[in-house]
N, C-alpha and C. Protein backbone atom coordinates (compact mmCIF):
# COMPACT_ATOMS: atom_id res chain seq x y z
N MET A 1 0.84 -1.17 0.00
CA MET A 1 0.00 0.00 0.00
C MET A 1 0.89 1.24 0.00
N ALA A 2 0.45 2.26 -0.66
CA ALA A 2 1.20 3.51 -0.77
C ALA A 2 1.16 4.27 0.56
N THR A 3 2.19 5.04 0.80
CA THR A 3 2.24 5.86 2.01
C THR A 3 1.36 7.08 1.83
N LEU A 4 1.08 7.74 2.93
CA LEU A 4 0.27 8.95 2.89
C LEU A 4 0.93 10.01 2.01
N ALA A 5 2.24 10.15 2.11
CA ALA A 5 2.96 11.15 1.31
C ALA A 5 2.85 10.85 -0.18
N GLU A 6 2.94 9.56 -0.55
CA GLU A 6 2.81 9.17 -1.96
C GLU A 6 1.40 9.44 -2.48
N LEU A 7 0.41 9.09 -1.68
CA LEU A 7 -0.98 9.33 -2.08
C LEU A 7 -1.25 10.82 -2.25
N GLN A 8 -0.74 11.63 -1.31
CA GLN A 8 -0.95 13.07 -1.38
C GLN A 8 -0.26 13.66 -2.60
N SER A 9 0.91 13.16 -2.92
CA SER A 9 1.64 13.63 -4.10
C SER A 9 0.87 13.29 -5.38
N GLN A 10 0.34 12.06 -5.45
CA GLN A 10 -0.46 11.67 -6.61
C GLN A 10 -1.70 12.54 -6.74
N LEU A 11 -2.35 12.81 -5.61
CA LEU A 11 -3.55 13.65 -5.61
C LEU A 11 -3.23 15.06 -6.09
N ASP A 12 -2.13 15.62 -5.62
CA ASP A 12 -1.72 16.96 -6.06
C ASP A 12 -1.47 16.98 -7.56
N THR A 13 -0.83 15.94 -8.07
CA THR A 13 -0.55 15.85 -9.51
C THR A 13 -1.84 15.81 -10.31
N LEU A 14 -2.79 15.01 -9.87
CA LEU A 14 -4.07 14.91 -10.59
C LEU A 14 -4.86 16.21 -10.53
N ARG A 15 -4.85 16.85 -9.37
CA ARG A 15 -5.57 18.13 -9.25
C ARG A 15 -4.96 19.20 -10.15
N ARG A 16 -3.62 19.24 -10.24
CA ARG A 16 -2.97 20.20 -11.13
C ARG A 16 -3.34 19.92 -12.58
N ALA A 17 -3.33 18.64 -12.96
CA ALA A 17 -3.67 18.26 -14.33
C ALA A 17 -5.10 18.67 -14.65
N ARG A 18 -6.00 18.43 -13.73
CA ARG A 18 -7.41 18.78 -13.97
C ARG A 18 -7.60 20.29 -14.04
N ALA A 19 -6.91 21.02 -13.18
CA ALA A 19 -7.04 22.48 -13.16
C ALA A 19 -6.53 23.12 -14.45
N THR A 20 -5.53 22.51 -15.07
CA THR A 20 -4.98 23.07 -16.30
C THR A 20 -5.69 22.56 -17.55
N GLY A 21 -6.63 21.62 -17.35
CA GLY A 21 -7.37 21.10 -18.50
C GLY A 21 -6.69 19.94 -19.20
N LEU A 22 -5.59 19.47 -18.65
CA LEU A 22 -4.90 18.32 -19.24
C LEU A 22 -5.64 17.05 -18.89
N ARG A 23 -5.50 16.05 -19.74
CA ARG A 23 -6.13 14.77 -19.46
C ARG A 23 -5.10 13.68 -19.23
N SER A 24 -3.90 14.09 -18.90
CA SER A 24 -2.87 13.10 -18.57
C SER A 24 -2.09 13.60 -17.36
N ALA A 25 -1.55 12.66 -16.63
CA ALA A 25 -0.76 12.99 -15.45
C ALA A 25 0.41 12.04 -15.36
N GLN A 26 1.55 12.57 -14.96
CA GLN A 26 2.74 11.74 -14.80
C GLN A 26 3.20 11.84 -13.37
N HIS A 27 3.39 10.68 -12.75
CA HIS A 27 3.87 10.61 -11.38
C HIS A 27 5.01 9.61 -11.37
N GLY A 28 6.23 10.11 -11.20
CA GLY A 28 7.40 9.24 -11.28
C GLY A 28 7.58 8.76 -12.70
N ASP A 29 7.75 7.47 -12.87
CA ASP A 29 7.92 6.89 -14.20
C ASP A 29 6.59 6.51 -14.84
N SER A 30 5.52 6.68 -14.12
CA SER A 30 4.20 6.25 -14.59
C SER A 30 3.42 7.43 -15.19
N LYS A 31 2.91 7.23 -16.40
CA LYS A 31 2.09 8.26 -17.04
C LYS A 31 0.73 7.64 -17.33
N THR A 32 -0.33 8.37 -16.94
CA THR A 32 -1.69 7.90 -17.15
C THR A 32 -2.45 8.93 -17.95
N GLU A 33 -3.18 8.47 -18.95
CA GLU A 33 -4.00 9.36 -19.77
C GLU A 33 -5.46 9.03 -19.53
N TYR A 34 -6.24 10.05 -19.22
CA TYR A 34 -7.66 9.88 -18.93
C TYR A 34 -8.48 10.28 -20.14
N ARG A 35 -9.58 9.58 -20.37
CA ARG A 35 -10.41 9.85 -21.54
C ARG A 35 -11.34 11.03 -21.35
N SER A 36 -11.69 11.32 -20.12
CA SER A 36 -12.64 12.42 -19.88
C SER A 36 -12.36 13.06 -18.53
N ASP A 37 -12.98 14.21 -18.32
CA ASP A 37 -12.87 14.87 -17.03
C ASP A 37 -13.53 14.03 -15.94
N ALA A 38 -14.60 13.34 -16.29
CA ALA A 38 -15.29 12.49 -15.31
C ALA A 38 -14.36 11.38 -14.81
N GLU A 39 -13.58 10.81 -15.71
CA GLU A 39 -12.64 9.76 -15.33
C GLU A 39 -11.55 10.33 -14.42
N LEU A 40 -11.09 11.53 -14.71
CA LEU A 40 -10.10 12.19 -13.87
C LEU A 40 -10.69 12.51 -12.50
N ALA A 41 -11.93 12.98 -12.47
CA ALA A 41 -12.60 13.29 -11.21
C ALA A 41 -12.77 12.02 -10.37
N ALA A 42 -13.07 10.90 -11.01
CA ALA A 42 -13.22 9.63 -10.29
C ALA A 42 -11.89 9.20 -9.68
N ALA A 43 -10.80 9.41 -10.40
CA ALA A 43 -9.47 9.06 -9.87
C ALA A 43 -9.13 9.93 -8.67
N ILE A 44 -9.47 11.21 -8.73
CA ILE A 44 -9.24 12.13 -7.61
C ILE A 44 -10.05 11.68 -6.40
N ALA A 45 -11.33 11.36 -6.62
CA ALA A 45 -12.19 10.91 -5.52
C ALA A 45 -11.66 9.63 -4.89
N ASP A 46 -11.15 8.72 -5.72
CA ASP A 46 -10.60 7.48 -5.20
C ASP A 46 -9.38 7.75 -4.31
N LEU A 47 -8.50 8.63 -4.77
CA LEU A 47 -7.33 8.98 -3.96
C LEU A 47 -7.74 9.64 -2.65
N GLU A 48 -8.76 10.50 -2.69
CA GLU A 48 -9.23 11.16 -1.48
C GLU A 48 -9.77 10.12 -0.49
N ARG A 49 -10.46 9.08 -0.99
CA ARG A 49 -10.96 8.01 -0.12
C ARG A 49 -9.79 7.22 0.49
N GLN A 50 -8.78 6.95 -0.32
CA GLN A 50 -7.62 6.22 0.19
C GLN A 50 -6.90 7.02 1.28
N ILE A 51 -6.76 8.32 1.06
CA ILE A 51 -6.10 9.18 2.04
C ILE A 51 -6.92 9.21 3.33
N ALA A 52 -8.24 9.29 3.21
CA ALA A 52 -9.10 9.28 4.39
C ALA A 52 -8.93 7.97 5.15
N GLY A 53 -8.78 6.86 4.43
CA GLY A 53 -8.58 5.57 5.09
C GLY A 53 -7.25 5.49 5.81
N VAL A 54 -6.20 6.04 5.22
CA VAL A 54 -4.88 6.04 5.86
C VAL A 54 -4.90 6.91 7.11
N ASN A 55 -5.64 8.01 7.05
CA ASN A 55 -5.74 8.91 8.20
C ASN A 55 -6.64 8.39 9.30
N GLY A 56 -7.26 7.22 9.08
CA GLY A 56 -8.11 6.64 10.11
C GLY A 56 -9.55 7.11 10.04
N ARG A 57 -9.87 7.91 9.06
CA ARG A 57 -11.25 8.34 8.88
C ARG A 57 -11.90 7.43 7.86
N GLY A 58 -13.07 7.01 8.14
CA GLY A 58 -13.81 6.20 7.18
C GLY A 58 -14.39 7.09 6.10
N PRO A 59 -14.96 6.49 5.08
CA PRO A 59 -15.59 7.29 4.04
C PRO A 59 -16.76 8.08 4.60
N GLY A 60 -17.01 9.21 4.01
CA GLY A 60 -18.12 10.05 4.46
C GLY A 60 -19.44 9.33 4.33
N GLY A 61 -20.32 9.60 5.23
CA GLY A 61 -21.61 8.93 5.21
C GLY A 61 -22.71 9.88 4.79
N VAL A 62 -23.85 9.31 4.53
CA VAL A 62 -25.02 10.09 4.18
C VAL A 62 -26.02 9.93 5.31
N PHE A 63 -26.55 11.02 5.76
CA PHE A 63 -27.53 10.99 6.82
C PHE A 63 -28.87 11.46 6.26
N TYR A 64 -29.91 10.74 6.60
CA TYR A 64 -31.25 11.10 6.19
C TYR A 64 -32.05 11.46 7.44
N PHE A 65 -32.66 12.60 7.42
CA PHE A 65 -33.46 13.05 8.56
C PHE A 65 -34.92 13.03 8.15
N THR A 66 -35.75 12.60 9.07
CA THR A 66 -37.18 12.60 8.85
C THR A 66 -37.83 13.33 10.00
N SER A 67 -38.76 14.20 9.67
CA SER A 67 -39.47 14.91 10.73
C SER A 67 -40.94 14.96 10.39
N SER A 68 -41.72 15.17 11.42
CA SER A 68 -43.16 15.32 11.22
C SER A 68 -43.71 16.15 12.35
N LYS A 69 -44.93 16.59 12.18
CA LYS A 69 -45.58 17.37 13.22
C LYS A 69 -46.21 16.46 14.27
N GLY A 70 -46.13 15.20 14.04
CA GLY A 70 -46.74 14.25 14.97
C GLY A 70 -48.14 13.89 14.50
N LEU A 71 -48.76 13.01 15.22
CA LEU A 71 -50.11 12.57 14.88
C LEU A 71 -51.13 13.42 15.60
N SER A 72 -52.15 13.84 14.89
CA SER A 72 -53.22 14.57 15.56
C SER A 72 -54.33 13.60 15.92
N THR A 73 -54.86 13.72 17.12
CA THR A 73 -55.91 12.80 17.56
C THR A 73 -57.22 13.47 17.76
């Protein structure tokens, strides 16, 4: 598994590539070309989830709230 520093470096590289409109990113000797912005966004989200896992935080959850005025009798 990659270290936190490696994951953060990869994330920074992908964010820079996305911000400049490029669809490819090179990290070390590895070069990856993405077909769309959605694919690049998915890679960024995946790295963010991995970083959250390394930091001991689980993935974000969704909370649903329900309310009512109660029953009238």
